[in-house]
C-alpha cells in the first residue's frame, strides 16, 4: 500500500491548528489581546450639599412647623441602620413610599409628626429601636390646595393655600380682600369635611384674634376647608 509521508515540521503545524480550532472559546479568547469591557453602571445622582437628615441626630430636633405637601422632597434615615439618608418625595396622592413600610400618608404633616408616626411601625416588625430622622430638603412651590371663602367678605371664591401650609382663617380672609361692612366678626365659621363624611364646624372669633392679639385662637386651614362669614343680625 502506498503511504504518503508528511514532513515532520508540517505535522507539528497541522497539530497546532487542529488544537486551536478544537479548544474551548475561553481558551481562544486568551490569544486575543482585546478584553471585552463590561457594561458601565448607571451614574448615581449626587447632591451638591448634604441632606438635612444627615446633620440631625435627634427626633426632638426635627422640623415641627412646615407641613409637607405634594412635590416636597425629604431625606430619610433610621439611625440604627447606619446607612446614608435617601431622598424621598411626596406624591400627588399625598403619600411617601418608605422602605420596608411602603406608601404612607404624609401631606399635611410636619417631619417631626411623621417621624413619630413611623417609629412604632418600624419597631413593631423591623427594629428593636428605631430613631427616625426626616429632613425637609426641597419645598415645592405648588399650592397645597384651596380654601373656599363665602359670605360677608369683599371677594368670595377659592384661595390657594401656600406650600408651607401656614394659612390661618384670619389671614385667608385678609388675603381675599377682607370683611364686608356687615360681617359678624365673632361668629366666623370654619367648616371641614371629616373622613367619615360628616362636617366639623369651628366658630372663630376675629375680634379676639385681630383686635386682642390672641393668635392661638386662629385655626390653620386645610385643603378643602370652607370659611363662611355670616351677616350681623343687627347692623348699626
C-alpha atoms as a PDB file:
ATOM      1  CA  UNK A   1       0.000   0.000   0.000  1.00  0.00           C
ATOM      2  CA  UNK A   2       1.245   3.418  -0.948  1.00  0.00           C
ATOM      3  CA  UNK A   3       1.670   5.646   2.155  1.00  0.00           C
ATOM      4  CA  UNK A   4       2.062   9.358   1.768  1.00  0.00           C
ATOM      5  CA  UNK A   5       4.519  10.788   4.235  1.00  0.00           C
ATOM      6  CA  UNK A   6       4.108  14.216   5.804  1.00  0.00           C
ATOM      7  CA  UNK A   7       7.248  16.100   6.770  1.00  0.00           C
ATOM      8  CA  UNK A   8       7.859  16.419  10.487  1.00  0.00           C
ATOM      9  CA  UNK A   9       7.583  20.232  10.558  1.00  0.00           C
ATOM     10  CA  UNK A  10       4.320  20.218   8.616  1.00  0.00           C
ATOM     11  CA  UNK A  11       2.839  17.661  11.014  1.00  0.00           C
ATOM     12  CA  UNK A  12       3.569  19.928  14.002  1.00  0.00           C
ATOM     13  CA  UNK A  13       1.906  22.855  12.293  1.00  0.00           C
ATOM     14  CA  UNK A  14      -1.234  20.852  11.472  1.00  0.00           C
ATOM     15  CA  UNK A  15      -1.437  19.571  15.047  1.00  0.00           C
ATOM     16  CA  UNK A  16      -1.254  23.138  16.449  1.00  0.00           C
ATOM     17  CA  UNK A  17      -4.020  24.399  14.123  1.00  0.00           C
ATOM     18  CA  UNK A  18      -6.295  21.475  14.998  1.00  0.00           C
ATOM     19  CA  UNK A  19      -5.757  22.037  18.728  1.00  0.00           C
ATOM     20  CA  UNK A  20      -6.563  25.731  18.366  1.00  0.00           C
ATOM     21  CA  UNK A  21      -9.808  25.032  16.493  1.00  0.00           C
ATOM     22  CA  UNK A  22     -10.952  22.397  18.990  1.00  0.00           C
ATOM     23  CA  UNK A  23     -10.052  24.458  22.058  1.00  0.00           C
ATOM     24  CA  UNK A  24     -12.914  25.981  24.186  1.00  0.00           C
ATOM     25  CA  UNK A  25     -13.889  29.523  23.385  1.00  0.00           C
ATOM     26  CA  UNK A  26     -12.446  30.736  26.684  1.00  0.00           C
ATOM     27  CA  UNK A  27      -9.031  29.349  25.738  1.00  0.00           C
ATOM     28  CA  UNK A  28      -9.157  31.004  22.299  1.00  0.00           C
ATOM     29  CA  UNK A  29     -10.047  34.331  23.919  1.00  0.00           C
ATOM     30  CA  UNK A  30      -6.723  34.246  25.740  1.00  0.00           C
ATOM     31  CA  UNK A  31      -4.890  34.579  22.450  1.00  0.00           C
ATOM     32  CA  UNK A  32      -6.645  37.901  21.788  1.00  0.00           C
ATOM     33  CA  UNK A  33      -5.128  40.938  23.451  1.00  0.00           C
ATOM     34  CA  UNK A  34      -8.505  42.819  23.429  1.00  0.00           C
ATOM     35  CA  UNK A  35     -10.589  42.138  26.542  1.00  0.00           C
ATOM     36  CA  UNK A  36     -14.332  42.896  26.178  1.00  0.00           C
ATOM     37  CA  UNK A  37     -15.393  45.687  28.517  1.00  0.00           C
ATOM     38  CA  UNK A  38     -18.253  45.133  30.974  1.00  0.00           C
ATOM     39  CA  UNK A  39     -21.303  47.453  30.871  1.00  0.00           C
ATOM     40  CA  UNK A  40     -20.865  50.649  32.878  1.00  0.00           C
ATOM     41  CA  UNK A  41     -23.101  51.025  35.938  1.00  0.00           C
ATOM     42  CA  UNK A  42     -25.730  53.777  35.756  1.00  0.00           C
ATOM     43  CA  UNK A  43     -24.489  57.096  37.122  1.00  0.00           C
ATOM     44  CA  UNK A  44     -25.507  57.963  40.663  1.00  0.00           C
ATOM     45  CA  UNK A  45     -27.286  61.238  41.363  1.00  0.00           C
ATOM     46  CA  UNK A  46     -25.296  63.193  43.878  1.00  0.00           C
ATOM     47  CA  UNK A  47     -26.324  66.281  45.774  1.00  0.00           C
ATOM     48  CA  UNK A  48     -24.011  69.270  45.939  1.00  0.00           C
ATOM     49  CA  UNK A  49     -24.984  69.835  49.585  1.00  0.00           C
ATOM     50  CA  UNK A  50     -25.545  67.430  52.466  1.00  0.00           C
ATOM     51  CA  UNK A  51     -29.127  66.339  53.097  1.00  0.00           C
ATOM     52  CA  UNK A  52     -30.926  67.677  56.135  1.00  0.00           C
ATOM     53  CA  UNK A  53     -31.307  64.192  57.620  1.00  0.00           C
ATOM     54  CA  UNK A  54     -27.533  63.686  57.563  1.00  0.00           C
ATOM     55  CA  UNK A  55     -26.906  66.529  60.026  1.00  0.00           C
ATOM     56  CA  UNK A  56     -29.718  65.798  62.505  1.00  0.00           C
ATOM     57  CA  UNK A  57     -29.228  63.157  65.194  1.00  0.00           C
ATOM     58  CA  UNK A  58     -32.299  63.587  67.374  1.00  0.00           C
ATOM     59  CA  UNK A  59     -36.017  63.194  66.653  1.00  0.00           C
ATOM     60  CA  UNK A  60     -36.686  66.095  69.030  1.00  0.00           C
ATOM     61  CA  UNK A  61     -34.759  68.397  66.662  1.00  0.00           C
ATOM     62  CA  UNK A  62     -36.947  67.626  63.625  1.00  0.00           C
ATOM     63  CA  UNK A  63     -38.920  70.384  61.900  1.00  0.00           C
ATOM     64  CA  UNK A  64     -42.337  70.758  63.526  1.00  0.00           C
ATOM     65  CA  UNK A  65     -43.612  73.881  61.749  1.00  0.00           C
ATOM     66  CA  UNK A  66     -43.616  73.330  57.977  1.00  0.00           C
ATOM     67  CA  UNK A  67     -46.269  70.910  56.760  1.00  0.00           C
ATOM     68  CA  UNK A  68     -45.390  68.559  53.924  1.00  0.00           C
ATOM     69  CA  UNK A  69     -47.167  68.944  50.602  1.00  0.00           C
ATOM     70  CA  UNK A  70     -47.222  67.433  47.137  1.00  0.00           C
ATOM     71  CA  UNK A  71     -43.834  67.587  45.433  1.00  0.00           C
ATOM     72  CA  UNK A  72     -41.833  68.218  48.613  1.00  0.00           C
ATOM     73  CA  UNK A  73     -38.586  66.251  48.856  1.00  0.00           C
ATOM     74  CA  UNK A  74     -37.325  64.893  52.148  1.00  0.00           C
ATOM     75  CA  UNK A  75     -34.285  62.935  53.277  1.00  0.00           C
ATOM     76  CA  UNK A  76     -34.898  59.837  55.397  1.00  0.00           C
ATOM     77  CA  UNK A  77     -32.815  57.526  57.529  1.00  0.00           C
ATOM     78  CA  UNK A  78     -33.085  55.246  60.542  1.00  0.00           C
ATOM     79  CA  UNK A  79     -30.006  55.881  62.662  1.00  0.00           C
ATOM     80  CA  UNK A  80     -29.776  52.277  63.852  1.00  0.00           C
ATOM     81  CA  UNK A  81     -29.243  51.119  60.247  1.00  0.00           C
ATOM     82  CA  UNK A  82     -26.047  53.183  59.993  1.00  0.00           C
ATOM     83  CA  UNK A  83     -26.760  53.967  56.344  1.00  0.00           C
ATOM     84  CA  UNK A  84     -26.695  57.206  54.379  1.00  0.00           C
ATOM     85  CA  UNK A  85     -30.000  59.102  54.064  1.00  0.00           C
ATOM     86  CA  UNK A  86     -32.129  58.515  50.982  1.00  0.00           C
ATOM     87  CA  UNK A  87     -34.201  61.098  49.118  1.00  0.00           C
ATOM     88  CA  UNK A  88     -37.986  60.619  49.003  1.00  0.00           C
ATOM     89  CA  UNK A  89     -40.787  62.716  47.502  1.00  0.00           C
ATOM     90  CA  UNK A  90     -44.400  63.386  48.479  1.00  0.00           C
ATOM     91  CA  UNK A  91     -46.508  62.061  45.588  1.00  0.00           C
ATOM     92  CA  UNK A  92     -49.604  63.685  44.097  1.00  0.00           C
ATOM     93  CA  UNK A  93     -51.687  61.394  46.311  1.00  0.00           C
ATOM     94  CA  UNK A  94     -50.006  62.936  49.381  1.00  0.00           C
ATOM     95  CA  UNK A  95     -48.072  59.761  50.241  1.00  0.00           C
ATOM     96  CA  UNK A  96     -44.407  58.795  50.545  1.00  0.00           C
ATOM     97  CA  UNK A  97     -43.006  55.387  49.624  1.00  0.00           C
ATOM     98  CA  UNK A  98     -40.901  54.365  52.640  1.00  0.00           C
ATOM     99  CA  UNK A  99     -38.502  51.388  52.667  1.00  0.00           C
ATOM    100  CA  UNK A 100     -40.000  48.375  54.478  1.00  0.00           C
ATOM    101  CA  UNK A 101     -43.286  50.183  55.152  1.00  0.00           C
ATOM    102  CA  UNK A 102     -44.452  51.073  51.641  1.00  0.00           C
ATOM    103  CA  UNK A 103     -46.783  54.025  50.978  1.00  0.00           C
ATOM    104  CA  UNK A 104     -47.745  56.132  53.971  1.00  0.00           C
ATOM    105  CA  UNK A 105     -49.808  59.385  54.172  1.00  0.00           C
ATOM    106  CA  UNK A 106     -47.516  62.385  54.598  1.00  0.00           C
ATOM    107  CA  UNK A 107     -49.195  65.526  53.224  1.00  0.00           C
ATOM    108  CA  UNK A 108     -50.306  67.977  55.891  1.00  0.00           C
ATOM    109  CA  UNK A 109     -47.890  66.590  58.499  1.00  0.00           C
ATOM    110  CA  UNK A 110     -44.612  68.002  59.754  1.00  0.00           C
ATOM    111  CA  UNK A 111     -41.390  65.991  59.589  1.00  0.00           C
ATOM    112  CA  UNK A 112     -41.454  65.553  63.351  1.00  0.00           C
ATOM    113  CA  UNK A 113     -45.073  64.398  63.408  1.00  0.00           C
ATOM    114  CA  UNK A 114     -44.484  61.940  60.581  1.00  0.00           C
ATOM    115  CA  UNK A 115     -41.294  60.545  62.125  1.00  0.00           C
ATOM    116  CA  UNK A 116     -43.060  59.777  65.420  1.00  0.00           C
ATOM    117  CA  UNK A 117     -45.831  58.013  63.484  1.00  0.00           C
ATOM    118  CA  UNK A 118     -43.324  55.832  61.618  1.00  0.00           C
ATOM    119  CA  UNK A 119     -41.278  54.954  64.711  1.00  0.00           C
ATOM    120  CA  UNK A 120     -43.715  52.414  66.296  1.00  0.00           C
ATOM    121  CA  UNK A 121     -44.449  50.856  62.899  1.00  0.00           C
ATOM    122  CA  UNK A 122     -40.754  50.175  62.327  1.00  0.00           C
ATOM    123  CA  UNK A 123     -40.217  48.939  65.884  1.00  0.00           C
ATOM    124  CA  UNK A 124     -43.149  46.553  65.591  1.00  0.00           C
ATOM    125  CA  UNK A 125     -41.644  44.354  62.868  1.00  0.00           C
ATOM    126  CA  UNK A 126     -38.162  45.524  61.893  1.00  0.00           C
ATOM    127  CA  UNK A 127     -36.195  47.235  64.675  1.00  0.00           C
ATOM    128  CA  UNK A 128     -35.794  46.818  68.408  1.00  0.00           C
ATOM    129  CA  UNK A 129     -35.369  50.599  68.464  1.00  0.00           C
ATOM    130  CA  UNK A 130     -35.853  52.996  65.539  1.00  0.00           C
ATOM    131  CA  UNK A 131     -34.625  56.584  65.623  1.00  0.00           C
ATOM    132  CA  UNK A 132     -36.378  58.010  62.556  1.00  0.00           C
ATOM    133  CA  UNK A 133     -34.820  61.114  61.038  1.00  0.00           C
ATOM    134  CA  UNK A 134     -36.735  63.100  58.414  1.00  0.00           C
ATOM    135  CA  UNK A 135     -35.366  66.308  56.916  1.00  0.00           C
ATOM    136  CA  UNK A 136     -37.197  68.709  54.610  1.00  0.00           C
ATOM    137  CA  UNK A 137     -34.714  69.373  51.803  1.00  0.00           C
ATOM    138  CA  UNK A 138     -36.759  70.874  48.955  1.00  0.00           C
ATOM    139  CA  UNK A 139     -40.051  72.695  49.472  1.00  0.00           C
ATOM    140  CA  UNK A 140     -42.355  72.500  46.471  1.00  0.00           C
ATOM    141  CA  UNK A 141     -43.730  75.734  45.052  1.00  0.00           C
ATOM    142  CA  UNK A 142     -47.095  74.165  44.283  1.00  0.00           C
ATOM    143  CA  UNK A 143     -50.093  75.179  46.443  1.00  0.00           C
ATOM    144  CA  UNK A 144     -51.282  72.551  48.902  1.00  0.00           C
ATOM    145  CA  UNK A 145     -54.864  73.019  47.774  1.00  0.00           C
ATOM    146  CA  UNK A 146     -57.668  75.555  48.089  1.00  0.00           C
ATOM    147  CA  UNK A 147     -59.806  77.047  50.833  1.00  0.00           C
ATOM    148  CA  UNK A 148     -63.219  78.435  49.896  1.00  0.00           C
ATOM    149  CA  UNK A 149     -64.397  81.778  51.316  1.00  0.00           C
ATOM    150  CA  UNK A 150     -68.013  82.867  51.243  1.00  0.00           C
ATOM    151  CA  UNK A 151     -70.477  85.178  52.997  1.00  0.00           C
ATOM    152  CA  UNK A 152     -69.792  88.727  54.156  1.00  0.00           C
ATOM    153  CA  UNK A 153     -66.382  89.252  52.549  1.00  0.00           C
ATOM    154  CA  UNK A 154     -65.119  91.646  49.899  1.00  0.00           C
ATOM    155  CA  UNK A 155     -64.450  88.868  47.396  1.00  0.00           C
ATOM    156  CA  UNK A 156     -65.917  85.380  47.562  1.00  0.00           C
ATOM    157  CA  UNK A 157     -64.243  82.373  45.953  1.00  0.00           C
ATOM    158  CA  UNK A 158     -61.312  79.993  46.223  1.00  0.00           C
ATOM    159  CA  UNK A 159     -57.908  80.896  47.641  1.00  0.00           C
ATOM    160  CA  UNK A 160     -54.701  78.879  47.171  1.00  0.00           C
ATOM    161  CA  UNK A 161     -53.087  77.527  50.328  1.00  0.00           C
ATOM    162  CA  UNK A 162     -49.336  78.319  50.147  1.00  0.00           C
ATOM    163  CA  UNK A 163     -46.807  75.455  50.008  1.00  0.00           C
ATOM    164  CA  UNK A 164     -45.741  75.940  53.635  1.00  0.00           C
ATOM    165  CA  UNK A 165     -49.358  75.445  54.774  1.00  0.00           C
ATOM    166  CA  UNK A 166     -49.114  78.426  57.120  1.00  0.00           C
ATOM    167  CA  UNK A 167     -52.510  79.963  56.336  1.00  0.00           C
ATOM    168  CA  UNK A 168     -54.969  80.743  59.118  1.00  0.00           C
ATOM    169  CA  UNK A 169     -58.626  81.798  58.970  1.00  0.00           C
ATOM    170  CA  UNK A 170     -57.897  85.485  59.576  1.00  0.00           C
ATOM    171  CA  UNK A 171     -55.031  85.580  57.060  1.00  0.00           C
ATOM    172  CA  UNK A 172     -57.168  83.869  54.414  1.00  0.00           C
ATOM    173  CA  UNK A 173     -59.935  86.460  54.827  1.00  0.00           C
ATOM    174  CA  UNK A 174     -57.468  89.366  54.712  1.00  0.00           C
ATOM    175  CA  UNK A 175     -55.696  87.957  51.629  1.00  0.00           C
ATOM    176  CA  UNK A 176     -59.081  87.604  49.929  1.00  0.00           C
ATOM    177  CA  UNK A 177     -59.871  91.291  50.382  1.00  0.00           C
ATOM    178  CA  UNK A 178     -61.145  91.474  53.953  1.00  0.00           C
ATOM    179  CA  UNK A 179     -64.546  91.579  55.586  1.00  0.00           C
ATOM    180  CA  UNK A 180     -67.629  93.306  54.236  1.00  0.00           C
ATOM    181  CA  UNK A 181     -69.311  96.106  56.190  1.00  0.00           C
ATOM    182  CA  UNK A 182     -71.981  93.929  57.807  1.00  0.00           C
ATOM    183  CA  UNK A 183     -69.842  90.899  58.674  1.00  0.00           C
ATOM    184  CA  UNK A 184     -70.260  89.233  62.043  1.00  0.00           C
ATOM    185  CA  UNK A 185     -66.651  89.136  63.191  1.00  0.00           C
ATOM    186  CA  UNK A 186     -67.378  86.998  66.238  1.00  0.00           C
ATOM    187  CA  UNK A 187     -69.081  84.067  64.548  1.00  0.00           C
ATOM    188  CA  UNK A 188     -66.966  83.174  61.530  1.00  0.00           C
ATOM    189  CA  UNK A 189     -67.472  79.513  60.638  1.00  0.00           C
ATOM    190  CA  UNK A 190     -64.662  77.204  59.557  1.00  0.00           C
ATOM    191  CA  UNK A 191     -66.256  74.101  58.033  1.00  0.00           C
ATOM    192  CA  UNK A 192     -64.179  70.957  57.409  1.00  0.00           C
ATOM    193  CA  UNK A 193     -65.087  67.588  55.939  1.00  0.00           C
ATOM    194  CA  UNK A 194     -64.125  64.671  58.172  1.00  0.00           C
ATOM    195  CA  UNK A 195     -63.026  61.219  56.901  1.00  0.00           C
ATOM    196  CA  UNK A 196     -66.401  59.706  57.832  1.00  0.00           C
ATOM    197  CA  UNK A 197     -68.205  62.191  55.573  1.00  0.00           C
ATOM    198  CA  UNK A 198     -69.564  64.422  58.322  1.00  0.00           C
ATOM    199  CA  UNK A 199     -68.785  68.137  58.591  1.00  0.00           C
ATOM    200  CA  UNK A 200     -66.996  69.714  61.535  1.00  0.00           C
ATOM    201  CA  UNK A 201     -67.760  73.380  62.218  1.00  0.00           C
ATOM    202  CA  UNK A 202     -65.403  75.585  64.239  1.00  0.00           C
ATOM    203  CA  UNK A 203     -66.538  79.042  65.388  1.00  0.00           C
ATOM    204  CA  UNK A 204     -63.746  81.611  65.038  1.00  0.00           C
ATOM    205  CA  UNK A 205     -63.840  84.951  66.871  1.00  0.00           C
ATOM    206  CA  UNK A 206     -61.922  87.501  64.785  1.00  0.00           C
ATOM    207  CA  UNK A 207     -62.290  90.143  67.491  1.00  0.00           C
ATOM    208  CA  UNK A 208     -60.167  88.009  69.822  1.00  0.00           C
ATOM    209  CA  UNK A 209     -57.613  87.380  67.090  1.00  0.00           C
ATOM    210  CA  UNK A 210     -57.313  90.693  65.257  1.00  0.00           C
ATOM    211  CA  UNK A 211     -58.192  93.187  67.992  1.00  0.00           C
ATOM    212  CA  UNK A 212     -56.784  91.453  71.062  1.00  0.00           C
ATOM    213  CA  UNK A 213     -53.894  89.533  69.529  1.00  0.00           C
ATOM    214  CA  UNK A 214     -54.937  86.036  70.639  1.00  0.00           C
ATOM    215  CA  UNK A 215     -53.345  84.297  67.650  1.00  0.00           C
ATOM    216  CA  UNK A 216     -53.608  80.882  69.305  1.00  0.00           C
ATOM    217  CA  UNK A 217     -57.341  81.050  68.566  1.00  0.00           C
ATOM    218  CA  UNK A 218     -56.725  81.437  64.823  1.00  0.00           C
ATOM    219  CA  UNK A 219     -57.033  77.930  63.265  1.00  0.00           C
ATOM    220  CA  UNK A 220     -54.830  76.847  60.377  1.00  0.00           C
ATOM    221  CA  UNK A 221     -56.921  75.991  57.305  1.00  0.00           C
ATOM    222  CA  UNK A 222     -56.598  72.715  55.402  1.00  0.00           C
ATOM    223  CA  UNK A 223     -57.246  71.903  51.733  1.00  0.00           C
ATOM    224  CA  UNK A 224     -60.976  71.745  51.043  1.00  0.00           C
ATOM    225  CA  UNK A 225     -61.992  73.864  54.055  1.00  0.00           C
ATOM    226  CA  UNK A 226     -64.779  76.447  53.726  1.00  0.00           C
ATOM    227  CA  UNK A 227     -64.830  79.759  55.593  1.00  0.00           C
ATOM    228  CA  UNK A 228     -68.304  81.271  55.945  1.00  0.00           C
ATOM    229  CA  UNK A 229     -68.608  84.792  57.336  1.00  0.00           C
ATOM    230  CA  UNK A 230     -72.229  85.420  58.448  1.00  0.00           C
ATOM    231  CA  UNK A 231     -74.039  88.734  58.499  1.00  0.00           C
ATOM    232  CA  UNK A 232     -74.685  90.544  61.765  1.00  0.00           C
ATOM    233  CA  UNK A 233     -78.300  90.296  62.874  1.00  0.00           C
ATOM    234  CA  UNK A 234     -78.369  93.958  63.913  1.00  0.00           C
ATOM    235  CA  UNK A 235     -76.397  96.363  61.739  1.00  0.00           C
ATOM    236  CA  UNK A 236     -75.631  99.673  63.409  1.00  0.00           C
END
